[in-house]
Amino acid sequence: MKKDNDNPLADIGSGFKVIFIMSFYIITYSIGTLLSVGGIYWLWMAIQIKSFTMFFIGLLPISWFITAPVGAYSLVTQETPLWELEWFN
């Protein structure tokens, strides 16, 4: 039964809004998780390379803006960047 205050287009619009917001949260959470694991992977690479300097830099919070994305990149592509090996080896 149709009511006077029913507006099906508003329901569809609010549904798209919910889907968009949920997608945003899922993508943001995924990127945050990947960067967190990337930071840990940076420390693991430092242990494998046996570089105390690289490990120490990975522990400094100010350097996480660089170390976490590089660690995530290395984890996803399964290769260590050449510049990283040259700097810390």
PDB file of N, CA and C in Angstrom:
ATOM      1  N   MET A   1       0.840  -1.164   0.000  1.00  0.00           N
ATOM      2  CA  MET A   1       0.000   0.000   0.000  1.00  0.00           C
ATOM      3  C   MET A   1       0.896   1.242   0.000  1.00  0.00           C
ATOM      4  N   LYS A   2       0.628   2.166  -0.874  1.00  0.00           N
ATOM      5  CA  LYS A   2       1.423   3.382  -1.002  1.00  0.00           C
ATOM      6  C   LYS A   2       0.963   4.419   0.019  1.00  0.00           C
ATOM      7  N   LYS A   3       1.953   5.014   0.650  1.00  0.00           N
ATOM      8  CA  LYS A   3       1.667   6.077   1.608  1.00  0.00           C
ATOM      9  C   LYS A   3       1.965   7.418   0.945  1.00  0.00           C
ATOM     10  N   ASP A   4       1.427   8.463   1.490  1.00  0.00           N
ATOM     11  CA  ASP A   4       1.631   9.798   0.912  1.00  0.00           C
ATOM     12  C   ASP A   4       3.074  10.278   1.047  1.00  0.00           C
ATOM     13  N   ASN A   5       3.772   9.852   2.090  1.00  0.00           N
ATOM     14  CA  ASN A   5       5.133  10.364   2.314  1.00  0.00           C
ATOM     15  C   ASN A   5       6.208   9.402   1.787  1.00  0.00           C
ATOM     16  N   ASP A   6       5.830   8.408   0.977  1.00  0.00           N
ATOM     17  CA  ASP A   6       6.814   7.514   0.370  1.00  0.00           C
ATOM     18  C   ASP A   6       7.546   8.229  -0.754  1.00  0.00           C
ATOM     19  N   ASN A   7       8.852   8.047  -0.784  1.00  0.00           N
ATOM     20  CA  ASN A   7       9.670   8.632  -1.838  1.00  0.00           C
ATOM     21  C   ASN A   7      10.731   7.590  -2.222  1.00  0.00           C
ATOM     22  N   PRO A   8      10.443   6.731  -3.187  1.00  0.00           N
ATOM     23  CA  PRO A   8      11.369   5.640  -3.508  1.00  0.00           C
ATOM     24  C   PRO A   8      12.713   6.141  -4.036  1.00  0.00           C
ATOM     25  N   LEU A   9      12.742   7.278  -4.708  1.00  0.00           N
ATOM     26  CA  LEU A   9      14.019   7.802  -5.202  1.00  0.00           C
ATOM     27  C   LEU A   9      14.920   8.228  -4.055  1.00  0.00           C
ATOM     28  N   ALA A  10      14.354   8.732  -2.988  1.00  0.00           N
ATOM     29  CA  ALA A  10      15.156   9.090  -1.813  1.00  0.00           C
ATOM     30  C   ALA A  10      15.737   7.843  -1.170  1.00  0.00           C
ATOM     31  N   ASP A  11      14.969   6.749  -1.168  1.00  0.00           N
ATOM     32  CA  ASP A  11      15.476   5.492  -0.624  1.00  0.00           C
ATOM     33  C   ASP A  11      16.641   4.967  -1.450  1.00  0.00           C
ATOM     34  N   ILE A  12      16.532   5.072  -2.764  1.00  0.00           N
ATOM     35  CA  ILE A  12      17.621   4.640  -3.641  1.00  0.00           C
ATOM     36  C   ILE A  12      18.847   5.524  -3.425  1.00  0.00           C
ATOM     37  N   GLY A  13      18.632   6.821  -3.299  1.00  0.00           N
ATOM     38  CA  GLY A  13      19.742   7.744  -3.058  1.00  0.00           C
ATOM     39  C   GLY A  13      20.446   7.458  -1.746  1.00  0.00           C
ATOM     40  N   SER A  14      19.673   7.180  -0.701  1.00  0.00           N
ATOM     41  CA  SER A  14      20.298   6.875   0.585  1.00  0.00           C
ATOM     42  C   SER A  14      21.009   5.527   0.531  1.00  0.00           C
ATOM     43  N   GLY A  15      20.519   4.611  -0.275  1.00  0.00           N
ATOM     44  CA  GLY A  15      21.199   3.326  -0.450  1.00  0.00           C
ATOM     45  C   GLY A  15      22.547   3.507  -1.134  1.00  0.00           C
ATOM     46  N   PHE A  16      22.597   4.330  -2.177  1.00  0.00           N
ATOM     47  CA  PHE A  16      23.875   4.622  -2.832  1.00  0.00           C
ATOM     48  C   PHE A  16      24.834   5.324  -1.883  1.00  0.00           C
ATOM     49  N   LYS A  17      24.298   6.194  -1.046  1.00  0.00           N
ATOM     50  CA  LYS A  17      25.128   6.901  -0.072  1.00  0.00           C
ATOM     51  C   LYS A  17      25.760   5.907   0.908  1.00  0.00           C
ATOM     52  N   VAL A  18      24.974   4.958   1.375  1.00  0.00           N
ATOM     53  CA  VAL A  18      25.488   3.937   2.294  1.00  0.00           C
ATOM     54  C   VAL A  18      26.551   3.086   1.614  1.00  0.00           C
ATOM     55  N   ILE A  19      26.310   2.693   0.370  1.00  0.00           N
ATOM     56  CA  ILE A  19      27.289   1.888  -0.368  1.00  0.00           C
ATOM     57  C   ILE A  19      28.580   2.668  -0.567  1.00  0.00           C
ATOM     58  N   PHE A  20      28.484   3.953  -0.913  1.00  0.00           N
ATOM     59  CA  PHE A  20      29.670   4.785  -1.113  1.00  0.00           C
ATOM     60  C   PHE A  20      30.461   4.925   0.182  1.00  0.00           C
ATOM     61  N   ILE A  21      29.774   5.188   1.290  1.00  0.00           N
ATOM     62  CA  ILE A  21      30.460   5.371   2.569  1.00  0.00           C
ATOM     63  C   ILE A  21      31.108   4.062   3.024  1.00  0.00           C
ATOM     64  N   MET A  22      30.409   2.947   2.855  1.00  0.00           N
ATOM     65  CA  MET A  22      30.980   1.649   3.225  1.00  0.00           C
ATOM     66  C   MET A  22      32.204   1.328   2.362  1.00  0.00           C
ATOM     67  N   SER A  23      32.135   1.633   1.077  1.00  0.00           N
ATOM     68  CA  SER A  23      33.283   1.406   0.196  1.00  0.00           C
ATOM     69  C   SER A  23      34.471   2.250   0.631  1.00  0.00           C
ATOM     70  N   PHE A  24      34.216   3.498   0.990  1.00  0.00           N
ATOM     71  CA  PHE A  24      35.276   4.384   1.459  1.00  0.00           C
ATOM     72  C   PHE A  24      35.934   3.825   2.722  1.00  0.00           C
ATOM     73  N   TYR A  25      35.120   3.362   3.663  1.00  0.00           N
ATOM     74  CA  TYR A  25      35.657   2.803   4.902  1.00  0.00           C
ATOM     75  C   TYR A  25      36.460   1.529   4.639  1.00  0.00           C
ATOM     76  N   ILE A  26      35.982   0.681   3.762  1.00  0.00           N
ATOM     77  CA  ILE A  26      36.694  -0.563   3.458  1.00  0.00           C
ATOM     78  C   ILE A  26      38.028  -0.271   2.790  1.00  0.00           C
ATOM     79  N   ILE A  27      38.035   0.658   1.839  1.00  0.00           N
ATOM     80  CA  ILE A  27      39.286   1.020   1.162  1.00  0.00           C
ATOM     81  C   ILE A  27      40.266   1.659   2.140  1.00  0.00           C
ATOM     82  N   THR A  28      39.782   2.559   2.984  1.00  0.00           N
ATOM     83  CA  THR A  28      40.647   3.211   3.970  1.00  0.00           C
ATOM     84  C   THR A  28      41.217   2.196   4.950  1.00  0.00           C
ATOM     85  N   TYR A  29      40.392   1.281   5.426  1.00  0.00           N
ATOM     86  CA  TYR A  29      40.849   0.249   6.350  1.00  0.00           C
ATOM     87  C   TYR A  29      41.879  -0.661   5.683  1.00  0.00           C
ATOM     88  N   SER A  30      41.654  -1.003   4.419  1.00  0.00           N
ATOM     89  CA  SER A  30      42.586  -1.866   3.693  1.00  0.00           C
ATOM     90  C   SER A  30      43.939  -1.194   3.507  1.00  0.00           C
ATOM     91  N   ILE A  31      43.917   0.080   3.160  1.00  0.00           N
ATOM     92  CA  ILE A  31      45.180   0.806   2.991  1.00  0.00           C
ATOM     93  C   ILE A  31      45.914   0.920   4.322  1.00  0.00           C
ATOM     94  N   GLY A  32      45.187   1.202   5.389  1.00  0.00           N
ATOM     95  CA  GLY A  32      45.811   1.279   6.716  1.00  0.00           C
ATOM     96  C   GLY A  32      46.418  -0.045   7.137  1.00  0.00           C
ATOM     97  N   THR A  33      45.713  -1.129   6.863  1.00  0.00           N
ATOM     98  CA  THR A  33      46.236  -2.456   7.192  1.00  0.00           C
ATOM     99  C   THR A  33      47.467  -2.773   6.363  1.00  0.00           C
ATOM    100  N   LEU A  34      47.416  -2.463   5.070  1.00  0.00           N
ATOM    101  CA  LEU A  34      48.563  -2.718   4.201  1.00  0.00           C
ATOM    102  C   LEU A  34      49.781  -1.914   4.645  1.00  0.00           C
ATOM    103  N   LEU A  35      49.583  -0.660   5.040  1.00  0.00           N
ATOM    104  CA  LEU A  35      50.707   0.151   5.493  1.00  0.00           C
ATOM    105  C   LEU A  35      51.261  -0.356   6.826  1.00  0.00           C
ATOM    106  N   SER A  36      50.393  -0.819   7.698  1.00  0.00           N
ATOM    107  CA  SER A  36      50.872  -1.378   8.971  1.00  0.00           C
ATOM    108  C   SER A  36      51.717  -2.627   8.743  1.00  0.00           C
ATOM    109  N   VAL A  37      51.235  -3.509   7.895  1.00  0.00           N
ATOM    110  CA  VAL A  37      51.995  -4.716   7.569  1.00  0.00           C
ATOM    111  C   VAL A  37      53.271  -4.345   6.813  1.00  0.00           C
ATOM    112  N   GLY A  38      53.205  -3.295   5.987  1.00  0.00           N
ATOM    113  CA  GLY A  38      54.394  -2.825   5.270  1.00  0.00           C
ATOM    114  C   GLY A  38      55.475  -2.324   6.212  1.00  0.00           C
ATOM    115  N   GLY A  39      55.066  -1.653   7.284  1.00  0.00           N
ATOM    116  CA  GLY A  39      56.046  -1.201   8.281  1.00  0.00           C
ATOM    117  C   GLY A  39      56.724  -2.369   8.973  1.00  0.00           C
ATOM    118  N   ILE A  40      55.950  -3.398   9.274  1.00  0.00           N
ATOM    119  CA  ILE A  40      56.531  -4.593   9.894  1.00  0.00           C
ATOM    120  C   ILE A  40      57.434  -5.312   8.895  1.00  0.00           C
ATOM    121  N   TYR A  41      57.033  -5.321   7.639  1.00  0.00           N
ATOM    122  CA  TYR A  41      57.861  -5.964   6.607  1.00  0.00           C
ATOM    123  C   TYR A  41      59.176  -5.212   6.414  1.00  0.00           C
ATOM    124  N   TRP A  42      59.160  -3.894   6.568  1.00  0.00           N
ATOM    125  CA  TRP A  42      60.397  -3.104   6.512  1.00  0.00           C
ATOM    126  C   TRP A  42      61.365  -3.589   7.591  1.00  0.00           C
ATOM    127  N   LEU A  43      60.853  -3.796   8.803  1.00  0.00           N
ATOM    128  CA  LEU A  43      61.701  -4.278   9.893  1.00  0.00           C
ATOM    129  C   LEU A  43      62.216  -5.693   9.590  1.00  0.00           C
ATOM    130  N   TRP A  44      61.373  -6.537   9.009  1.00  0.00           N
ATOM    131  CA  TRP A  44      61.795  -7.883   8.647  1.00  0.00           C
ATOM    132  C   TRP A  44      62.898  -7.842   7.589  1.00  0.00           C
ATOM    133  N   MET A  45      62.785  -6.947   6.604  1.00  0.00           N
ATOM    134  CA  MET A  45      63.838  -6.804   5.591  1.00  0.00           C
ATOM    135  C   MET A  45      65.125  -6.329   6.237  1.00  0.00           C
ATOM    136  N   ALA A  46      65.013  -5.435   7.234  1.00  0.00           N
ATOM    137  CA  ALA A  46      66.209  -4.953   7.928  1.00  0.00           C
ATOM    138  C   ALA A  46      66.917  -6.092   8.646  1.00  0.00           C
ATOM    139  N   ILE A  47      66.135  -6.998   9.230  1.00  0.00           N
ATOM    140  CA  ILE A  47      66.731  -8.155   9.892  1.00  0.00           C
ATOM    141  C   ILE A  47      67.388  -9.070   8.859  1.00  0.00           C
ATOM    142  N   GLN A  48      66.740  -9.267   7.723  1.00  0.00           N
ATOM    143  CA  GLN A  48      67.294 -10.131   6.677  1.00  0.00           C
ATOM    144  C   GLN A  48      68.565  -9.543   6.068  1.00  0.00           C
ATOM    145  N   ILE A  49      68.591  -8.225   5.897  1.00  0.00           N
ATOM    146  CA  ILE A  49      69.775  -7.561   5.339  1.00  0.00           C
ATOM    147  C   ILE A  49      70.863  -7.407   6.394  1.00  0.00           C
ATOM    148  N   LYS A  50      70.472  -7.529   7.666  1.00  0.00           N
ATOM    149  CA  LYS A  50      71.360  -7.348   8.821  1.00  0.00           C
ATOM    150  C   LYS A  50      71.857  -5.912   8.886  1.00  0.00           C
ATOM    151  N   SER A  51      70.919  -4.977   8.767  1.00  0.00           N
ATOM    152  CA  SER A  51      71.234  -3.555   8.815  1.00  0.00           C
ATOM    153  C   SER A  51      70.575  -2.936  10.043  1.00  0.00           C
ATOM    154  N   PHE A  52      71.398  -2.600  11.036  1.00  0.00           N
ATOM    155  CA  PHE A  52      70.878  -1.984  12.246  1.00  0.00           C
ATOM    156  C   PHE A  52      70.320  -0.598  11.948  1.00  0.00           C
ATOM    157  N   THR A  53      70.969   0.137  11.052  1.00  0.00           N
ATOM    158  CA  THR A  53      70.487   1.484  10.705  1.00  0.00           C
ATOM    159  C   THR A  53      69.098   1.430  10.092  1.00  0.00           C
ATOM    160  N   MET A  54      68.873   0.496   9.197  1.00  0.00           N
ATOM    161  CA  MET A  54      67.560   0.355   8.570  1.00  0.00           C
ATOM    162  C   MET A  54      66.516  -0.031   9.615  1.00  0.00           C
ATOM    163  N   PHE A  55      66.864  -0.909  10.536  1.00  0.00           N
ATOM    164  CA  PHE A  55      65.946  -1.316  11.586  1.00  0.00           C
ATOM    165  C   PHE A  55      65.619  -0.138  12.492  1.00  0.00           C
ATOM    166  N   PHE A  56      66.622   0.636  12.853  1.00  0.00           N
ATOM    167  CA  PHE A  56      66.420   1.794  13.724  1.00  0.00           C
ATOM    168  C   PHE A  56      65.529   2.841  13.054  1.00  0.00           C
ATOM    169  N   ILE A  57      65.758   3.094  11.777  1.00  0.00           N
ATOM    170  CA  ILE A  57      64.928   4.051  11.037  1.00  0.00           C
ATOM    171  C   ILE A  57      63.488   3.550  10.962  1.00  0.00           C
ATOM    172  N   GLY A  58      63.305   2.255  10.832  1.00  0.00           N
ATOM    173  CA  GLY A  58      61.966   1.684  10.799  1.00  0.00           C
ATOM    174  C   GLY A  58      61.224   1.807  12.122  1.00  0.00           C
ATOM    175  N   LEU A  59      61.950   1.952  13.225  1.00  0.00           N
ATOM    176  CA  LEU A  59      61.329   2.106  14.539  1.00  0.00           C
ATOM    177  C   LEU A  59      60.933   3.553  14.852  1.00  0.00           C
ATOM    178  N   LEU A  60      61.528   4.512  14.153  1.00  0.00           N
ATOM    179  CA  LEU A  60      61.225   5.921  14.415  1.00  0.00           C
ATOM    180  C   LEU A  60      59.867   6.299  13.820  1.00  0.00           C
ATOM    181  N   PRO A  61      58.948   6.807  14.635  1.00  0.00           N
ATOM    182  CA  PRO A  61      57.611   7.144  14.110  1.00  0.00           C
ATOM    183  C   PRO A  61      57.632   8.211  13.017  1.00  0.00           C
ATOM    184  N   ILE A  62      58.575   9.125  13.057  1.00  0.00           N
ATOM    185  CA  ILE A  62      58.619  10.192  12.049  1.00  0.00           C
ATOM    186  C   ILE A  62      58.955   9.624  10.664  1.00  0.00           C
ATOM    187  N   SER A  63      59.622   8.485  10.623  1.00  0.00           N
ATOM    188  CA  SER A  63      60.011   7.912   9.335  1.00  0.00           C
ATOM    189  C   SER A  63      58.986   6.923   8.794  1.00  0.00           C
ATOM    190  N   TRP A  64      57.913   6.661   9.518  1.00  0.00           N
ATOM    191  CA  TRP A  64      56.905   5.708   9.063  1.00  0.00           C
ATOM    192  C   TRP A  64      56.218   6.156   7.784  1.00  0.00           C
ATOM    193  N   PHE A  65      56.235   7.464   7.487  1.00  0.00           N
ATOM    194  CA  PHE A  65      55.626   7.946   6.247  1.00  0.00           C
ATOM    195  C   PHE A  65      56.380   7.440   5.027  1.00  0.00           C
ATOM    196  N   ILE A  66      57.636   7.078   5.212  1.00  0.00           N
ATOM    197  CA  ILE A  66      58.442   6.561   4.105  1.00  0.00           C
ATOM    198  C   ILE A  66      58.601   5.048   4.205  1.00  0.00           C
ATOM    199  N   THR A  67      58.895   4.563   5.399  1.00  0.00           N
ATOM    200  CA  THR A  67      59.205   3.141   5.543  1.00  0.00           C
ATOM    201  C   THR A  67      57.993   2.238   5.329  1.00  0.00           C
ATOM    202  N   ALA A  68      56.827   2.649   5.784  1.00  0.00           N
ATOM    203  CA  ALA A  68      55.633   1.804   5.630  1.00  0.00           C
ATOM    204  C   ALA A  68      55.225   1.636   4.159  1.00  0.00           C
ATOM    205  N   PRO A  69      55.151   2.723   3.364  1.00  0.00           N
ATOM    206  CA  PRO A  69      54.819   2.507   1.942  1.00  0.00           C
ATOM    207  C   PRO A  69      55.882   1.712   1.181  1.00  0.00           C
ATOM    208  N   VAL A  70      57.160   1.934   1.504  1.00  0.00           N
ATOM    209  CA  VAL A  70      58.212   1.175   0.820  1.00  0.00           C
ATOM    210  C   VAL A  70      58.135  -0.290   1.223  1.00  0.00           C
ATOM    211  N   GLY A  71      57.870  -0.544   2.500  1.00  0.00           N
ATOM    212  CA  GLY A  71      57.699  -1.932   2.943  1.00  0.00           C
ATOM    213  C   GLY A  71      56.489  -2.580   2.299  1.00  0.00           C
ATOM    214  N   ALA A  72      55.389  -1.836   2.173  1.00  0.00           N
ATOM    215  CA  ALA A  72      54.188  -2.377   1.529  1.00  0.00           C
ATOM    216  C   ALA A  72      54.456  -2.655   0.052  1.00  0.00           C
ATOM    217  N   TYR A  73      55.155  -1.745  -0.607  1.00  0.00           N
ATOM    218  CA  TYR A  73      55.513  -1.953  -2.015  1.00  0.00           C
ATOM    219  C   TYR A  73      56.376  -3.207  -2.163  1.00  0.00           C
ATOM    220  N   SER A  74      57.348  -3.352  -1.276  1.00  0.00           N
ATOM    221  CA  SER A  74      58.226  -4.518  -1.341  1.00  0.00           C
ATOM    222  C   SER A  74      57.468  -5.808  -1.075  1.00  0.00           C
ATOM    223  N   LEU A  75      56.506  -5.748  -0.179  1.00  0.00           N
ATOM    224  CA  LEU A  75      55.705  -6.932   0.134  1.00  0.00           C
ATOM    225  C   LEU A  75      54.814  -7.328  -1.043  1.00  0.00           C
ATOM    226  N   VAL A  76      54.193  -6.345  -1.684  1.00  0.00           N
ATOM    227  CA  VAL A  76      53.269  -6.636  -2.781  1.00  0.00           C
ATOM    228  C   VAL A  76      54.017  -7.114  -4.020  1.00  0.00           C
ATOM    229  N   THR A  77      55.129  -6.459  -4.348  1.00  0.00           N
ATOM    230  CA  THR A  77      55.859  -6.818  -5.563  1.00  0.00           C
ATOM    231  C   THR A  77      56.887  -7.918  -5.338  1.00  0.00           C
ATOM    232  N   GLN A  78      57.158  -8.266  -4.090  1.00  0.00           N
ATOM    233  CA  GLN A  78      58.130  -9.295  -3.721  1.00  0.00           C
ATOM    234  C   GLN A  78      59.539  -8.979  -4.224  1.00  0.00           C
ATOM    235  N   GLU A  79      59.891  -7.691  -4.280  1.00  0.00           N
ATOM    236  CA  GLU A  79      61.253  -7.303  -4.621  1.00  0.00           C
ATOM    237  C   GLU A  79      61.634  -6.079  -3.803  1.00  0.00           C
ATOM    238  N   THR A  80      62.847  -6.064  -3.346  1.00  0.00           N
ATOM    239  CA  THR A  80      63.352  -4.941  -2.570  1.00  0.00           C
ATOM    240  C   THR A  80      63.885  -3.888  -3.537  1.00  0.00           C
ATOM    241  N   PRO A  81      63.501  -2.618  -3.356  1.00  0.00           N
ATOM    242  CA  PRO A  81      64.024  -1.575  -4.247  1.00  0.00           C
ATOM    243  C   PRO A  81      65.552  -1.505  -4.181  1.00  0.00           C
ATOM    244  N   LEU A  82      66.155  -1.255  -5.324  1.00  0.00           N
ATOM    245  CA  LEU A  82      67.612  -1.223  -5.413  1.00  0.00           C
ATOM    246  C   LEU A  82      68.211  -0.125  -4.550  1.00  0.00           C
ATOM    247  N   TRP A  83      67.565   1.043  -4.515  1.00  0.00           N
ATOM    248  CA  TRP A  83      68.102   2.142  -3.723  1.00  0.00           C
ATOM    249  C   TRP A  83      68.131   1.785  -2.241  1.00  0.00           C
ATOM    250  N   GLU A  84      67.181   0.986  -1.808  1.00  0.00           N
ATOM    251  CA  GLU A  84      67.144   0.572  -0.402  1.00  0.00           C
ATOM    252  C   GLU A  84      68.333  -0.336  -0.078  1.00  0.00           C
ATOM    253  N   LEU A  85      68.616  -1.255  -0.970  1.00  0.00           N
ATOM    254  CA  LEU A  85      69.752  -2.147  -0.763  1.00  0.00           C
ATOM    255  C   LEU A  85      71.081  -1.379  -0.794  1.00  0.00           C
ATOM    256  N   GLU A  86      71.163  -0.378  -1.692  1.00  0.00           N
ATOM    257  CA  GLU A  86      72.401   0.393  -1.786  1.00  0.00           C
ATOM    258  C   GLU A  86      72.619   1.268  -0.563  1.00  0.00           C
ATOM    259  N   TRP A  87      71.546   1.838  -0.029  1.00  0.00           N
ATOM    260  CA  TRP A  87      71.682   2.710   1.131  1.00  0.00           C
ATOM    261  C   TRP A  87      72.018   1.960   2.416  1.00  0.00           C
ATOM    262  N   PHE A  88      71.392   0.813   2.604  1.00  0.00           N
ATOM    263  CA  PHE A  88      71.484   0.164   3.899  1.00  0.00           C
ATOM    264  C   PHE A  88      72.321  -1.099   3.923  1.00  0.00           C
ATOM    265  N   ASN A  89      72.923  -1.476   2.839  1.00  0.00           N
ATOM    266  CA  ASN A  89      73.723  -2.682   2.829  1.00  0.00           C
ATOM    267  C   ASN A  89      75.184  -2.376   2.917  1.00  0.00           C
TER     268      ASN A  89
END
